[in-house]
Amino acid sequence: MTREKWCKMFVARVHSRMEYMNMTRAEFTAKVGVNDNKVSRWFRCETVPKAIDIVNISKVLNCSVSWLIDFGDRIEKGDGNE
């Protein structure tokens, strides 16, 4: 699985939980404890969240880290500039 495909699946799961919880992006951003620019970059797959952010996202969305990030396939290594 490519990094981009992984990211798109991750973002889709985040959005599905946000929708299920009727959570706005502003609420999500505030509860995760990051700024909107960082969330924008995640949602556009320009960057991926750090491990600590993924843990916080899972707590805010009341789901497991595993559900958020494990899609049953390994992520291909990029050129190191990601």
N, C-alpha and C. Protein backbone atom coordinates (compact mmCIF):
# COMPACT_ATOMS: atom_id res chain seq x y z
N MET A 1 0.86 -1.16 0.00
CA MET A 1 0.00 0.00 0.00
C MET A 1 0.90 1.23 0.00
N THR A 2 0.56 2.19 -0.80
CA THR A 2 1.34 3.42 -0.83
C THR A 2 0.98 4.30 0.36
N ARG A 3 1.88 5.22 0.69
CA ARG A 3 1.64 6.16 1.77
C ARG A 3 0.38 6.98 1.49
N GLU A 4 0.21 7.40 0.22
CA GLU A 4 -0.95 8.20 -0.14
C GLU A 4 -2.26 7.42 0.04
N LYS A 5 -2.26 6.16 -0.38
CA LYS A 5 -3.47 5.34 -0.22
C LYS A 5 -3.77 5.14 1.27
N TRP A 6 -2.72 4.88 2.07
CA TRP A 6 -2.91 4.72 3.50
C TRP A 6 -3.51 5.99 4.08
N CYS A 7 -2.95 7.13 3.70
CA CYS A 7 -3.42 8.40 4.24
C CYS A 7 -4.89 8.64 3.90
N LYS A 8 -5.27 8.38 2.67
CA LYS A 8 -6.67 8.58 2.25
C LYS A 8 -7.61 7.68 3.05
N MET A 9 -7.18 6.46 3.33
CA MET A 9 -8.02 5.55 4.13
C MET A 9 -8.11 6.04 5.57
N PHE A 10 -6.99 6.50 6.11
CA PHE A 10 -6.97 7.06 7.46
C PHE A 10 -7.92 8.25 7.56
N VAL A 11 -7.81 9.17 6.63
CA VAL A 11 -8.67 10.36 6.64
C VAL A 11 -10.14 9.97 6.49
N ALA A 12 -10.44 8.99 5.67
CA ALA A 12 -11.83 8.54 5.51
C ALA A 12 -12.37 8.00 6.84
N ARG A 13 -11.54 7.27 7.57
CA ARG A 13 -11.99 6.76 8.87
C ARG A 13 -12.19 7.88 9.88
N VAL A 14 -11.29 8.84 9.88
CA VAL A 14 -11.44 10.00 10.78
C VAL A 14 -12.74 10.73 10.45
N HIS A 15 -12.97 10.99 9.18
CA HIS A 15 -14.20 11.68 8.77
C HIS A 15 -15.45 10.88 9.14
N SER A 16 -15.40 9.58 8.98
CA SER A 16 -16.58 8.77 9.30
C SER A 16 -16.90 8.83 10.79
N ARG A 17 -15.88 8.81 11.63
CA ARG A 17 -16.10 8.92 13.08
C ARG A 17 -16.59 10.31 13.45
N MET A 18 -16.01 11.33 12.83
CA MET A 18 -16.46 12.70 13.10
C MET A 18 -17.94 12.85 12.74
N GLU A 19 -18.31 12.31 11.59
CA GLU A 19 -19.72 12.38 11.16
C GLU A 19 -20.61 11.62 12.13
N TYR A 20 -20.21 10.42 12.51
CA TYR A 20 -20.97 9.60 13.44
C TYR A 20 -21.19 10.33 14.77
N MET A 21 -20.16 11.07 15.20
CA MET A 21 -20.23 11.78 16.48
C MET A 21 -20.76 13.21 16.33
N ASN A 22 -21.18 13.57 15.11
CA ASN A 22 -21.65 14.93 14.83
C ASN A 22 -20.63 15.98 15.30
N MET A 23 -19.38 15.73 14.99
CA MET A 23 -18.29 16.59 15.43
C MET A 23 -17.83 17.47 14.27
N THR A 24 -17.78 18.76 14.50
CA THR A 24 -17.27 19.66 13.47
C THR A 24 -15.75 19.59 13.43
N ARG A 25 -15.22 20.11 12.36
CA ARG A 25 -13.76 20.15 12.25
C ARG A 25 -13.15 21.03 13.34
N ALA A 26 -13.80 22.13 13.65
CA ALA A 26 -13.30 23.01 14.71
C ALA A 26 -13.28 22.29 16.05
N GLU A 27 -14.33 21.52 16.34
CA GLU A 27 -14.35 20.74 17.58
C GLU A 27 -13.25 19.68 17.58
N PHE A 28 -13.11 19.00 16.46
CA PHE A 28 -12.08 17.97 16.34
C PHE A 28 -10.69 18.57 16.58
N THR A 29 -10.42 19.66 15.92
CA THR A 29 -9.12 20.32 16.04
C THR A 29 -8.83 20.72 17.49
N ALA A 30 -9.81 21.32 18.13
CA ALA A 30 -9.63 21.76 19.51
C ALA A 30 -9.43 20.58 20.46
N LYS A 31 -10.21 19.54 20.28
CA LYS A 31 -10.12 18.38 21.18
C LYS A 31 -8.82 17.60 20.98
N VAL A 32 -8.34 17.52 19.75
CA VAL A 32 -7.08 16.83 19.49
C VAL A 32 -5.91 17.67 20.01
N GLY A 33 -6.11 18.98 20.04
CA GLY A 33 -5.08 19.87 20.58
C GLY A 33 -4.03 20.30 19.57
N VAL A 34 -4.45 20.43 18.33
CA VAL A 34 -3.54 20.90 17.28
C VAL A 34 -4.18 22.08 16.56
N ASN A 35 -3.41 22.76 15.73
CA ASN A 35 -3.99 23.89 15.01
C ASN A 35 -4.64 23.43 13.70
N ASP A 36 -5.48 24.28 13.16
CA ASP A 36 -6.25 23.93 11.97
C ASP A 36 -5.35 23.69 10.76
N ASN A 37 -4.24 24.39 10.68
CA ASN A 37 -3.32 24.20 9.56
C ASN A 37 -2.80 22.76 9.54
N LYS A 38 -2.48 22.23 10.70
CA LYS A 38 -1.98 20.86 10.79
C LYS A 38 -3.06 19.88 10.34
N VAL A 39 -4.29 20.08 10.80
CA VAL A 39 -5.40 19.21 10.41
C VAL A 39 -5.65 19.31 8.91
N SER A 40 -5.57 20.50 8.36
CA SER A 40 -5.74 20.68 6.91
C SER A 40 -4.71 19.88 6.14
N ARG A 41 -3.48 19.91 6.59
CA ARG A 41 -2.42 19.17 5.92
C ARG A 41 -2.64 17.66 6.04
N TRP A 42 -3.14 17.20 7.19
CA TRP A 42 -3.47 15.78 7.33
C TRP A 42 -4.57 15.39 6.36
N PHE A 43 -5.64 16.19 6.35
CA PHE A 43 -6.81 15.85 5.53
C PHE A 43 -6.53 15.92 4.04
N ARG A 44 -5.53 16.70 3.63
CA ARG A 44 -5.12 16.75 2.22
C ARG A 44 -4.00 15.75 1.93
N CYS A 45 -3.60 14.99 2.94
CA CYS A 45 -2.54 13.98 2.84
C CYS A 45 -1.18 14.59 2.44
N GLU A 46 -0.97 15.81 2.85
CA GLU A 46 0.35 16.43 2.64
C GLU A 46 1.32 15.93 3.70
N THR A 47 0.81 15.66 4.90
CA THR A 47 1.60 15.09 5.98
C THR A 47 0.73 14.05 6.67
N VAL A 48 1.36 13.23 7.48
CA VAL A 48 0.61 12.28 8.29
C VAL A 48 0.82 12.63 9.76
N PRO A 49 -0.16 12.34 10.59
CA PRO A 49 -0.02 12.67 12.02
C PRO A 49 1.11 11.89 12.68
N LYS A 50 1.72 12.50 13.67
CA LYS A 50 2.71 11.82 14.49
C LYS A 50 1.98 10.82 15.38
N ALA A 51 2.73 9.89 15.93
CA ALA A 51 2.13 8.84 16.77
C ALA A 51 1.30 9.42 17.91
N ILE A 52 1.82 10.43 18.59
CA ILE A 52 1.08 11.02 19.72
C ILE A 52 -0.23 11.64 19.24
N ASP A 53 -0.23 12.22 18.04
CA ASP A 53 -1.46 12.79 17.50
C ASP A 53 -2.47 11.70 17.16
N ILE A 54 -1.99 10.57 16.65
CA ILE A 54 -2.89 9.45 16.35
C ILE A 54 -3.52 8.92 17.63
N VAL A 55 -2.74 8.83 18.69
CA VAL A 55 -3.30 8.40 19.98
C VAL A 55 -4.37 9.38 20.43
N ASN A 56 -4.09 10.67 20.35
CA ASN A 56 -5.08 11.68 20.76
C ASN A 56 -6.32 11.64 19.87
N ILE A 57 -6.13 11.45 18.57
CA ILE A 57 -7.27 11.33 17.66
C ILE A 57 -8.14 10.15 18.05
N SER A 58 -7.53 9.02 18.37
CA SER A 58 -8.32 7.84 18.74
C SER A 58 -9.12 8.09 20.01
N LYS A 59 -8.54 8.81 20.95
CA LYS A 59 -9.27 9.12 22.19
C LYS A 59 -10.42 10.08 21.92
N VAL A 60 -10.18 11.09 21.11
CA VAL A 60 -11.22 12.07 20.78
C VAL A 60 -12.37 11.40 20.02
N LEU A 61 -12.03 10.48 19.13
CA LEU A 61 -13.05 9.83 18.30
C LEU A 61 -13.58 8.54 18.91
N ASN A 62 -13.10 8.22 20.11
CA ASN A 62 -13.57 7.04 20.83
C ASN A 62 -13.47 5.77 19.98
N CYS A 63 -12.26 5.55 19.44
CA CYS A 63 -12.00 4.36 18.65
C CYS A 63 -10.56 3.92 18.93
N SER A 64 -10.22 2.73 18.50
CA SER A 64 -8.87 2.24 18.76
C SER A 64 -7.88 2.80 17.74
N VAL A 65 -6.64 2.90 18.17
CA VAL A 65 -5.57 3.30 17.27
C VAL A 65 -5.49 2.29 16.12
N SER A 66 -5.61 1.03 16.44
CA SER A 66 -5.55 -0.01 15.42
C SER A 66 -6.60 0.20 14.34
N TRP A 67 -7.82 0.52 14.73
CA TRP A 67 -8.89 0.74 13.74
C TRP A 67 -8.54 1.92 12.84
N LEU A 68 -7.92 2.94 13.40
CA LEU A 68 -7.58 4.12 12.62
C LEU A 68 -6.47 3.88 11.61
N ILE A 69 -5.50 3.03 11.96
CA ILE A 69 -4.28 2.97 11.14
C ILE A 69 -3.99 1.64 10.47
N ASP A 70 -4.64 0.57 10.88
CA ASP A 70 -4.29 -0.75 10.34
C ASP A 70 -5.29 -1.18 9.28
N PHE A 71 -4.81 -1.24 8.04
CA PHE A 71 -5.66 -1.64 6.93
C PHE A 71 -5.24 -2.98 6.35
N GLY A 72 -4.46 -3.74 7.14
CA GLY A 72 -4.10 -5.10 6.77
C GLY A 72 -3.01 -5.22 5.72
N ASP A 73 -2.32 -4.14 5.45
CA ASP A 73 -1.26 -4.18 4.46
C ASP A 73 -0.13 -3.28 4.93
N ARG A 74 1.08 -3.62 4.58
CA ARG A 74 2.19 -2.77 4.98
C ARG A 74 2.29 -1.55 4.07
N ILE A 75 2.86 -0.49 4.61
CA ILE A 75 3.01 0.74 3.85
C ILE A 75 4.37 0.70 3.17
N GLU A 76 4.38 0.97 1.88
CA GLU A 76 5.63 0.98 1.13
C GLU A 76 6.48 2.16 1.58
N LYS A 77 7.77 1.93 1.65
CA LYS A 77 8.70 3.00 2.01
C LYS A 77 8.85 3.93 0.83
N GLY A 78 8.85 5.23 1.14
CA GLY A 78 9.05 6.23 0.10
C GLY A 78 10.53 6.52 -0.09
N ASP A 79 10.82 7.69 -0.59
CA ASP A 79 12.21 8.05 -0.86
C ASP A 79 12.88 8.70 0.35
N GLY A 80 12.18 8.72 1.50
CA GLY A 80 12.75 9.29 2.71
C GLY A 80 12.47 10.76 2.88
N ASN A 81 11.82 11.37 1.91
CA ASN A 81 11.52 12.80 1.98
C ASN A 81 10.09 13.07 2.39
N GLU A 82 9.42 12.09 2.92
CA GLU A 82 8.00 12.25 3.26
C GLU A 82 7.82 12.64 4.68
